[in-house]
Amino acid sequence: MTVEELRAERSALGGSLNRHITYLEAGGKIYPVCQDADSTTAAFLAKLKQYRTDVEGWLATLPGS
C-alpha cells in the first residue's frame, strides 16, 4: 500500500468515524447486552476519539506530511 492509498483510505474512514463521534456526543448511546449503556457509551466514545487522534498522528509522521 502506498502512502497516497493510506491517506485516501483514512480520509474515507474519517468521515464515518466523525459521524459516529458526533452521534455519541449528541447523546446517542450504544446498548451492549448486560452492560450499562451510559458508561459503555462514554468509554467507547473515548476510545473512538483516541483512535482518531492516533491515526492522525501516524499520518503526520509519513513522508510528504
N, C-alpha and C. Protein backbone atom coordinates (compact mmCIF):
# COMPACT_ATOMS: atom_id res chain seq x y z
N MET A 1 0.85 -1.17 0.00
CA MET A 1 0.00 0.00 0.00
C MET A 1 0.90 1.23 0.00
N THR A 2 0.58 2.18 -0.84
CA THR A 2 1.36 3.41 -0.91
C THR A 2 0.87 4.41 0.14
N VAL A 3 1.66 5.43 0.38
CA VAL A 3 1.28 6.48 1.32
C VAL A 3 0.01 7.16 0.84
N GLU A 4 -0.09 7.38 -0.46
CA GLU A 4 -1.28 8.03 -1.01
C GLU A 4 -2.53 7.18 -0.80
N GLU A 5 -2.39 5.87 -0.98
CA GLU A 5 -3.52 4.96 -0.75
C GLU A 5 -3.92 4.95 0.72
N LEU A 6 -2.94 4.97 1.59
CA LEU A 6 -3.21 5.01 3.02
C LEU A 6 -3.95 6.28 3.41
N ARG A 7 -3.50 7.40 2.86
CA ARG A 7 -4.19 8.68 3.14
C ARG A 7 -5.63 8.67 2.61
N ALA A 8 -5.84 8.13 1.42
CA ALA A 8 -7.19 8.07 0.84
C ALA A 8 -8.10 7.17 1.68
N GLU A 9 -7.56 6.06 2.13
CA GLU A 9 -8.35 5.15 2.97
C GLU A 9 -8.70 5.81 4.30
N ARG A 10 -7.75 6.52 4.88
CA ARG A 10 -8.00 7.22 6.15
C ARG A 10 -9.05 8.31 5.95
N SER A 11 -9.01 8.99 4.83
CA SER A 11 -9.99 10.03 4.55
C SER A 11 -11.39 9.46 4.49
N ALA A 12 -11.55 8.32 3.82
CA ALA A 12 -12.86 7.68 3.73
C ALA A 12 -13.32 7.20 5.11
N LEU A 13 -12.42 6.62 5.87
CA LEU A 13 -12.74 6.16 7.21
C LEU A 13 -13.07 7.33 8.13
N GLY A 14 -12.35 8.42 7.94
CA GLY A 14 -12.53 9.59 8.80
C GLY A 14 -13.95 10.12 8.79
N GLY A 15 -14.58 10.13 7.64
CA GLY A 15 -15.96 10.61 7.55
C GLY A 15 -16.89 9.76 8.40
N SER A 16 -16.74 8.46 8.30
CA SER A 16 -17.57 7.55 9.08
C SER A 16 -17.27 7.69 10.58
N LEU A 17 -16.01 7.74 10.92
CA LEU A 17 -15.60 7.86 12.31
C LEU A 17 -16.14 9.16 12.92
N ASN A 18 -16.03 10.25 12.18
CA ASN A 18 -16.54 11.53 12.68
C ASN A 18 -18.05 11.52 12.85
N ARG A 19 -18.77 10.83 11.97
CA ARG A 19 -20.23 10.73 12.13
C ARG A 19 -20.58 9.97 13.41
N HIS A 20 -19.87 8.90 13.69
CA HIS A 20 -20.14 8.12 14.91
C HIS A 20 -19.83 8.95 16.16
N ILE A 21 -18.72 9.66 16.13
CA ILE A 21 -18.35 10.50 17.28
C ILE A 21 -19.41 11.59 17.48
N THR A 22 -19.83 12.23 16.41
CA THR A 22 -20.85 13.27 16.50
C THR A 22 -22.15 12.72 17.08
N TYR A 23 -22.56 11.55 16.62
CA TYR A 23 -23.77 10.90 17.12
C TYR A 23 -23.69 10.66 18.63
N LEU A 24 -22.57 10.12 19.08
CA LEU A 24 -22.42 9.81 20.51
C LEU A 24 -22.31 11.08 21.34
N GLU A 25 -21.63 12.09 20.82
CA GLU A 25 -21.51 13.36 21.55
C GLU A 25 -22.86 14.05 21.67
N ALA A 26 -23.75 13.81 20.72
CA ALA A 26 -25.08 14.43 20.74
C ALA A 26 -26.06 13.67 21.65
N GLY A 27 -25.56 12.65 22.34
CA GLY A 27 -26.43 11.93 23.27
C GLY A 27 -26.82 10.54 22.81
N GLY A 28 -26.39 10.14 21.61
CA GLY A 28 -26.67 8.78 21.16
C GLY A 28 -25.97 7.79 22.07
N LYS A 29 -26.51 6.60 22.13
CA LYS A 29 -25.94 5.59 23.02
C LYS A 29 -25.78 4.27 22.29
N ILE A 30 -24.92 3.44 22.83
CA ILE A 30 -24.83 2.05 22.41
C ILE A 30 -25.41 1.22 23.56
N TYR A 31 -25.99 0.09 23.24
CA TYR A 31 -26.68 -0.72 24.24
C TYR A 31 -26.17 -2.16 24.22
N PRO A 32 -24.99 -2.38 24.80
CA PRO A 32 -24.47 -3.74 24.84
C PRO A 32 -25.26 -4.58 25.86
N VAL A 33 -25.32 -5.86 25.61
CA VAL A 33 -26.07 -6.77 26.48
C VAL A 33 -25.40 -6.82 27.86
N CYS A 34 -26.21 -6.70 28.89
CA CYS A 34 -25.77 -6.84 30.29
C CYS A 34 -24.71 -5.82 30.70
N GLN A 35 -24.72 -4.63 30.08
CA GLN A 35 -23.79 -3.58 30.47
C GLN A 35 -24.55 -2.25 30.52
N ASP A 36 -24.09 -1.36 31.36
CA ASP A 36 -24.69 -0.04 31.48
C ASP A 36 -24.43 0.77 30.21
N ALA A 37 -25.49 1.25 29.59
CA ALA A 37 -25.36 1.99 28.32
C ALA A 37 -24.57 3.28 28.49
N ASP A 38 -24.79 4.01 29.57
CA ASP A 38 -24.10 5.29 29.76
C ASP A 38 -22.59 5.12 29.90
N SER A 39 -22.17 4.23 30.78
CA SER A 39 -20.72 4.07 30.98
C SER A 39 -20.05 3.41 29.78
N THR A 40 -20.74 2.47 29.16
CA THR A 40 -20.17 1.80 27.99
C THR A 40 -20.05 2.79 26.83
N THR A 41 -21.06 3.62 26.63
CA THR A 41 -21.03 4.62 25.57
C THR A 41 -19.90 5.62 25.81
N ALA A 42 -19.75 6.07 27.04
CA ALA A 42 -18.68 7.02 27.36
C ALA A 42 -17.31 6.41 27.10
N ALA A 43 -17.12 5.17 27.49
CA ALA A 43 -15.83 4.50 27.26
C ALA A 43 -15.57 4.31 25.77
N PHE A 44 -16.60 3.92 25.03
CA PHE A 44 -16.46 3.71 23.59
C PHE A 44 -16.14 5.03 22.88
N LEU A 45 -16.81 6.10 23.27
CA LEU A 45 -16.57 7.41 22.68
C LEU A 45 -15.13 7.84 22.93
N ALA A 46 -14.64 7.64 24.13
CA ALA A 46 -13.25 7.98 24.44
C ALA A 46 -12.29 7.18 23.57
N LYS A 47 -12.57 5.91 23.35
CA LYS A 47 -11.71 5.08 22.50
C LYS A 47 -11.74 5.53 21.05
N LEU A 48 -12.93 5.89 20.55
CA LEU A 48 -13.03 6.39 19.18
C LEU A 48 -12.21 7.67 19.00
N LYS A 49 -12.32 8.58 19.95
CA LYS A 49 -11.57 9.83 19.86
C LYS A 49 -10.07 9.57 19.91
N GLN A 50 -9.64 8.64 20.79
CA GLN A 50 -8.22 8.32 20.88
C GLN A 50 -7.73 7.68 19.58
N TYR A 51 -8.55 6.80 19.00
CA TYR A 51 -8.19 6.18 17.72
C TYR A 51 -8.00 7.24 16.64
N ARG A 52 -8.92 8.19 16.58
CA ARG A 52 -8.82 9.26 15.59
C ARG A 52 -7.54 10.06 15.79
N THR A 53 -7.23 10.40 17.03
CA THR A 53 -6.01 11.13 17.35
C THR A 53 -4.77 10.33 16.97
N ASP A 54 -4.77 9.05 17.30
CA ASP A 54 -3.63 8.19 16.97
C ASP A 54 -3.39 8.12 15.47
N VAL A 55 -4.44 7.90 14.71
CA VAL A 55 -4.31 7.78 13.26
C VAL A 55 -3.82 9.08 12.66
N GLU A 56 -4.37 10.20 13.12
CA GLU A 56 -3.91 11.49 12.61
C GLU A 56 -2.43 11.71 12.94
N GLY A 57 -2.01 11.27 14.11
CA GLY A 57 -0.60 11.37 14.49
C GLY A 57 0.29 10.51 13.62
N TRP A 58 -0.16 9.29 13.33
CA TRP A 58 0.62 8.40 12.47
C TRP A 58 0.76 9.00 11.08
N LEU A 59 -0.34 9.53 10.57
CA LEU A 59 -0.29 10.10 9.22
C LEU A 59 0.65 11.30 9.16
N ALA A 60 0.73 12.04 10.24
CA ALA A 60 1.60 13.22 10.26
C ALA A 60 3.08 12.83 10.18
N THR A 61 3.40 11.59 10.54
CA THR A 61 4.80 11.14 10.51
C THR A 61 5.19 10.52 9.17
N LEU A 62 4.23 10.34 8.28
CA LEU A 62 4.53 9.74 6.99
C LEU A 62 5.25 10.72 6.09
N PRO A 63 6.03 10.22 5.16
CA PRO A 63 6.72 11.09 4.21
C PRO A 63 5.71 11.96 3.45
N GLY A 64 6.08 13.19 3.25
CA GLY A 64 5.23 14.11 2.49
C GLY A 64 4.17 14.79 3.34
N SER A 65 4.26 14.63 4.65
CA SER A 65 3.26 15.25 5.54
C SER A 65 3.55 16.72 5.74
